[in-house]
Amino acid sequence: MVRFCSLVLAALLAALPLTSADSAPLRAASSAQFVLVNKSGVTIDQFYMSPCWAKNWGNNQIAWTPIWTSKTFTIKDIEPGCYNLMVVMPYGNKCVISGELLEGIKAWTITQWTPFRAAAGGCSYIAHPVSAGERSQDRHGFIPMPALR
């Protein structure tokens, strides 16, 4: 009888849903991580990331934590999706990656050439174009242009 009760109890416990402590690794696996790697030779003290739909940059993600050259900084527990990323180099020069899809683990390596490219305005790029919206064609009030001759 004791063995039967033990088997029933084991079966009931096995059928219970996972507790929050057991499911934490599952949630962590579905979140993204971003690693900023500094190989530039200068200290980076400003890094911003915002969802692609946001109208501003939000807070400095590395405030009070400068990333010296040869160091990395990891931002964890990011909701996967589309993000705009910006690093501010010395003298206020900026590098921007627009439309970066963050899933799993992504890294951005700031090299020795990044400060020079930032000063020249050539280090920003679009990773993935992001839709500004869509709508059906508005045919009301449409005036055709005269044909060119």
C-alpha atoms as a PDB file:
ATOM      1  CA  MET A   1       0.000   0.000   0.000  1.00  0.00           C
ATOM      2  CA  VAL A   2       2.833   2.394   0.857  1.00  0.00           C
ATOM      3  CA  ARG A   3       4.506   1.621  -2.466  1.00  0.00           C
ATOM      4  CA  PHE A   4       1.220   2.276  -4.320  1.00  0.00           C
ATOM      5  CA  CYS A   5       0.800   5.661  -2.573  1.00  0.00           C
ATOM      6  CA  SER A   6       4.399   6.569  -3.421  1.00  0.00           C
ATOM      7  CA  LEU A   7       3.797   5.742  -7.088  1.00  0.00           C
ATOM      8  CA  VAL A   8       0.596   7.796  -7.161  1.00  0.00           C
ATOM      9  CA  LEU A   9       2.359  10.741  -5.491  1.00  0.00           C
ATOM     10  CA  ALA A  10       5.239  10.511  -7.980  1.00  0.00           C
ATOM     11  CA  ALA A  11       2.795  10.463 -10.900  1.00  0.00           C
ATOM     12  CA  LEU A  12       0.945  13.507  -9.554  1.00  0.00           C
ATOM     13  CA  LEU A  13       4.169  15.446  -9.045  1.00  0.00           C
ATOM     14  CA  ALA A  14       5.321  14.585 -12.560  1.00  0.00           C
ATOM     15  CA  ALA A  15       2.046  15.906 -13.984  1.00  0.00           C
ATOM     16  CA  LEU A  16       2.347  19.303 -12.273  1.00  0.00           C
ATOM     17  CA  PRO A  17       3.477  22.244 -14.412  1.00  0.00           C
ATOM     18  CA  LEU A  18       6.999  23.529 -13.971  1.00  0.00           C
ATOM     19  CA  THR A  19       7.478  26.060 -11.193  1.00  0.00           C
ATOM     20  CA  SER A  20       8.958  29.463 -11.860  1.00  0.00           C
ATOM     21  CA  ALA A  21      12.342  28.306 -10.564  1.00  0.00           C
ATOM     22  CA  ASP A  22      12.342  25.390 -13.011  1.00  0.00           C
ATOM     23  CA  SER A  23      11.180  27.520 -15.929  1.00  0.00           C
ATOM     24  CA  ALA A  24      13.776  30.295 -15.469  1.00  0.00           C
ATOM     25  CA  PRO A  25      16.286  28.592 -17.804  1.00  0.00           C
ATOM     26  CA  LEU A  26      13.569  28.339 -20.455  1.00  0.00           C
ATOM     27  CA  ARG A  27      12.920  32.083 -20.287  1.00  0.00           C
ATOM     28  CA  ALA A  28      16.608  32.916 -20.346  1.00  0.00           C
ATOM     29  CA  ALA A  29      17.064  30.811 -23.477  1.00  0.00           C
ATOM     30  CA  SER A  30      14.418  32.861 -25.315  1.00  0.00           C
ATOM     31  CA  SER A  31      16.014  36.205 -24.450  1.00  0.00           C
ATOM     32  CA  ALA A  32      18.830  37.815 -26.411  1.00  0.00           C
ATOM     33  CA  GLN A  33      22.265  39.020 -25.353  1.00  0.00           C
ATOM     34  CA  PHE A  34      24.349  41.788 -26.860  1.00  0.00           C
ATOM     35  CA  VAL A  35      28.115  42.044 -26.401  1.00  0.00           C
ATOM     36  CA  LEU A  36      29.972  45.291 -27.068  1.00  0.00           C
ATOM     37  CA  VAL A  37      33.646  44.507 -27.751  1.00  0.00           C
ATOM     38  CA  ASN A  38      36.135  47.375 -27.530  1.00  0.00           C
ATOM     39  CA  LYS A  39      39.342  46.940 -29.546  1.00  0.00           C
ATOM     40  CA  SER A  40      39.526  50.609 -30.524  1.00  0.00           C
ATOM     41  CA  GLY A  41      42.310  51.934 -28.328  1.00  0.00           C
ATOM     42  CA  VAL A  42      39.938  54.470 -26.726  1.00  0.00           C
ATOM     43  CA  THR A  43      37.481  54.214 -23.838  1.00  0.00           C
ATOM     44  CA  ILE A  44      33.795  53.924 -24.721  1.00  0.00           C
ATOM     45  CA  ASP A  45      31.429  55.405 -22.159  1.00  0.00           C
ATOM     46  CA  GLN A  46      28.210  55.820 -24.147  1.00  0.00           C
ATOM     47  CA  PHE A  47      26.184  53.067 -25.789  1.00  0.00           C
ATOM     48  CA  TYR A  48      22.481  53.247 -26.594  1.00  0.00           C
ATOM     49  CA  MET A  49      20.030  50.667 -27.870  1.00  0.00           C
ATOM     50  CA  SER A  50      16.389  51.265 -28.627  1.00  0.00           C
ATOM     51  CA  PRO A  51      13.652  49.232 -30.293  1.00  0.00           C
ATOM     52  CA  CYS A  52      13.305  50.076 -33.985  1.00  0.00           C
ATOM     53  CA  TRP A  53       9.873  51.595 -33.370  1.00  0.00           C
ATOM     54  CA  ALA A  54      11.118  53.990 -30.635  1.00  0.00           C
ATOM     55  CA  LYS A  55      11.429  57.705 -31.346  1.00  0.00           C
ATOM     56  CA  ASN A  56      14.362  58.304 -28.983  1.00  0.00           C
ATOM     57  CA  TRP A  57      17.499  56.537 -27.800  1.00  0.00           C
ATOM     58  CA  GLY A  58      16.584  56.137 -24.147  1.00  0.00           C
ATOM     59  CA  ASN A  59      19.224  55.682 -21.445  1.00  0.00           C
ATOM     60  CA  ASN A  60      22.945  55.113 -21.813  1.00  0.00           C
ATOM     61  CA  GLN A  61      23.245  51.327 -21.396  1.00  0.00           C
ATOM     62  CA  ILE A  62      26.797  51.537 -20.017  1.00  0.00           C
ATOM     63  CA  ALA A  63      26.416  54.598 -17.778  1.00  0.00           C
ATOM     64  CA  TRP A  64      28.989  54.593 -14.970  1.00  0.00           C
ATOM     65  CA  THR A  65      30.701  51.552 -16.557  1.00  0.00           C
ATOM     66  CA  PRO A  66      33.278  52.700 -19.106  1.00  0.00           C
ATOM     67  CA  ILE A  67      34.509  50.004 -21.463  1.00  0.00           C
ATOM     68  CA  TRP A  68      38.255  50.317 -21.735  1.00  0.00           C
ATOM     69  CA  THR A  69      40.066  49.002 -24.773  1.00  0.00           C
ATOM     70  CA  SER A  70      40.442  45.195 -24.818  1.00  0.00           C
ATOM     71  CA  LYS A  71      37.299  44.837 -22.644  1.00  0.00           C
ATOM     72  CA  THR A  72      33.765  43.670 -23.371  1.00  0.00           C
ATOM     73  CA  PHE A  73      30.383  44.523 -21.889  1.00  0.00           C
ATOM     74  CA  THR A  74      27.355  42.218 -22.107  1.00  0.00           C
ATOM     75  CA  ILE A  75      23.737  43.320 -21.928  1.00  0.00           C
ATOM     76  CA  LYS A  76      21.506  40.360 -21.050  1.00  0.00           C
ATOM     77  CA  ASP A  77      17.801  39.539 -20.925  1.00  0.00           C
ATOM     78  CA  ILE A  78      16.934  41.547 -24.037  1.00  0.00           C
ATOM     79  CA  GLU A  79      13.571  40.864 -25.617  1.00  0.00           C
ATOM     80  CA  PRO A  80      14.401  39.520 -29.105  1.00  0.00           C
ATOM     81  CA  GLY A  81      13.526  41.843 -31.950  1.00  0.00           C
ATOM     82  CA  CYS A  82      14.658  44.791 -34.038  1.00  0.00           C
ATOM     83  CA  TYR A  83      16.935  47.384 -32.408  1.00  0.00           C
ATOM     84  CA  ASN A  84      18.856  50.502 -33.348  1.00  0.00           C
ATOM     85  CA  LEU A  85      22.323  50.622 -31.769  1.00  0.00           C
ATOM     86  CA  MET A  86      24.555  53.653 -31.234  1.00  0.00           C
ATOM     87  CA  VAL A  87      28.032  54.007 -29.770  1.00  0.00           C
ATOM     88  CA  VAL A  88      29.380  57.490 -29.100  1.00  0.00           C
ATOM     89  CA  MET A  89      33.102  57.804 -29.724  1.00  0.00           C
ATOM     90  CA  PRO A  90      35.379  60.513 -28.297  1.00  0.00           C
ATOM     91  CA  TYR A  91      34.552  64.081 -29.373  1.00  0.00           C
ATOM     92  CA  GLY A  92      30.886  63.111 -29.807  1.00  0.00           C
ATOM     93  CA  ASN A  93      31.286  61.195 -33.071  1.00  0.00           C
ATOM     94  CA  LYS A  94      28.621  58.515 -33.430  1.00  0.00           C
ATOM     95  CA  CYS A  95      28.308  55.125 -35.079  1.00  0.00           C
ATOM     96  CA  VAL A  96      24.789  53.825 -35.610  1.00  0.00           C
ATOM     97  CA  ILE A  97      23.522  50.437 -36.720  1.00  0.00           C
ATOM     98  CA  SER A  98      19.868  50.706 -37.705  1.00  0.00           C
ATOM     99  CA  GLY A  99      17.528  47.738 -37.783  1.00  0.00           C
ATOM    100  CA  GLU A 100      19.747  45.120 -36.132  1.00  0.00           C
ATOM    101  CA  LEU A 101      17.852  41.897 -35.419  1.00  0.00           C
ATOM    102  CA  LEU A 102      18.822  40.729 -31.931  1.00  0.00           C
ATOM    103  CA  GLU A 103      18.268  37.027 -31.334  1.00  0.00           C
ATOM    104  CA  GLY A 104      20.515  34.707 -29.373  1.00  0.00           C
ATOM    105  CA  ILE A 105      23.909  36.329 -28.836  1.00  0.00           C
ATOM    106  CA  LYS A 106      25.108  39.199 -31.053  1.00  0.00           C
ATOM    107  CA  ALA A 107      28.323  41.182 -30.787  1.00  0.00           C
ATOM    108  CA  TRP A 108      29.547  44.491 -32.171  1.00  0.00           C
ATOM    109  CA  THR A 109      33.321  44.865 -32.251  1.00  0.00           C
ATOM    110  CA  ILE A 110      34.579  48.435 -32.162  1.00  0.00           C
ATOM    111  CA  THR A 111      37.972  48.296 -33.916  1.00  0.00           C
ATOM    112  CA  GLN A 112      40.897  50.703 -34.062  1.00  0.00           C
ATOM    113  CA  TRP A 113      39.420  52.124 -37.273  1.00  0.00           C
ATOM    114  CA  THR A 114      35.980  52.901 -35.837  1.00  0.00           C
ATOM    115  CA  PRO A 115      36.961  56.265 -34.253  1.00  0.00           C
ATOM    116  CA  PHE A 116      38.412  57.432 -37.586  1.00  0.00           C
ATOM    117  CA  ARG A 117      35.379  56.255 -39.540  1.00  0.00           C
ATOM    118  CA  ALA A 118      33.099  57.924 -36.973  1.00  0.00           C
ATOM    119  CA  ALA A 119      34.965  61.228 -37.368  1.00  0.00           C
ATOM    120  CA  ALA A 120      34.597  60.962 -41.150  1.00  0.00           C
ATOM    121  CA  GLY A 121      30.912  60.039 -40.886  1.00  0.00           C
ATOM    122  CA  GLY A 122      31.402  56.602 -42.431  1.00  0.00           C
ATOM    123  CA  CYS A 123      30.739  54.038 -39.730  1.00  0.00           C
ATOM    124  CA  SER A 124      26.921  53.993 -39.627  1.00  0.00           C
ATOM    125  CA  TYR A 125      24.870  51.560 -41.674  1.00  0.00           C
ATOM    126  CA  ILE A 126      21.480  49.915 -42.000  1.00  0.00           C
ATOM    127  CA  ALA A 127      21.479  46.245 -41.017  1.00  0.00           C
ATOM    128  CA  HIS A 128      17.863  45.619 -42.042  1.00  0.00           C
ATOM    129  CA  PRO A 129      15.499  48.249 -43.459  1.00  0.00           C
ATOM    130  CA  VAL A 130      12.489  48.639 -41.186  1.00  0.00           C
ATOM    131  CA  SER A 131       8.995  49.355 -42.468  1.00  0.00           C
ATOM    132  CA  ALA A 132       7.667  52.848 -41.799  1.00  0.00           C
ATOM    133  CA  GLY A 133       4.145  51.497 -42.329  1.00  0.00           C
ATOM    134  CA  GLU A 134       1.801  50.631 -45.152  1.00  0.00           C
ATOM    135  CA  ARG A 135      -1.581  51.589 -46.495  1.00  0.00           C
ATOM    136  CA  SER A 136      -3.797  51.104 -49.516  1.00  0.00           C
ATOM    137  CA  GLN A 137      -3.487  53.524 -52.387  1.00  0.00           C
ATOM    138  CA  ASP A 138      -5.586  56.663 -51.955  1.00  0.00           C
ATOM    139  CA  ARG A 139      -7.448  57.072 -55.251  1.00  0.00           C
ATOM    140  CA  HIS A 140      -9.697  59.906 -54.069  1.00  0.00           C
ATOM    141  CA  GLY A 141      -8.675  63.227 -55.531  1.00  0.00           C
ATOM    142  CA  PHE A 142      -6.174  61.578 -57.874  1.00  0.00           C
ATOM    143  CA  ILE A 143      -5.224  63.904 -60.731  1.00  0.00           C
ATOM    144  CA  PRO A 144      -3.270  62.240 -63.537  1.00  0.00           C
ATOM    145  CA  MET A 145      -0.203  64.076 -64.757  1.00  0.00           C
ATOM    146  CA  PRO A 146      -0.168  65.119 -68.417  1.00  0.00           C
ATOM    147  CA  ALA A 147       1.911  62.903 -70.663  1.00  0.00           C
ATOM    148  CA  LEU A 148       5.401  64.100 -71.441  1.00  0.00           C
ATOM    149  CA  ARG A 149       6.178  64.730 -75.127  1.00  0.00           C
END
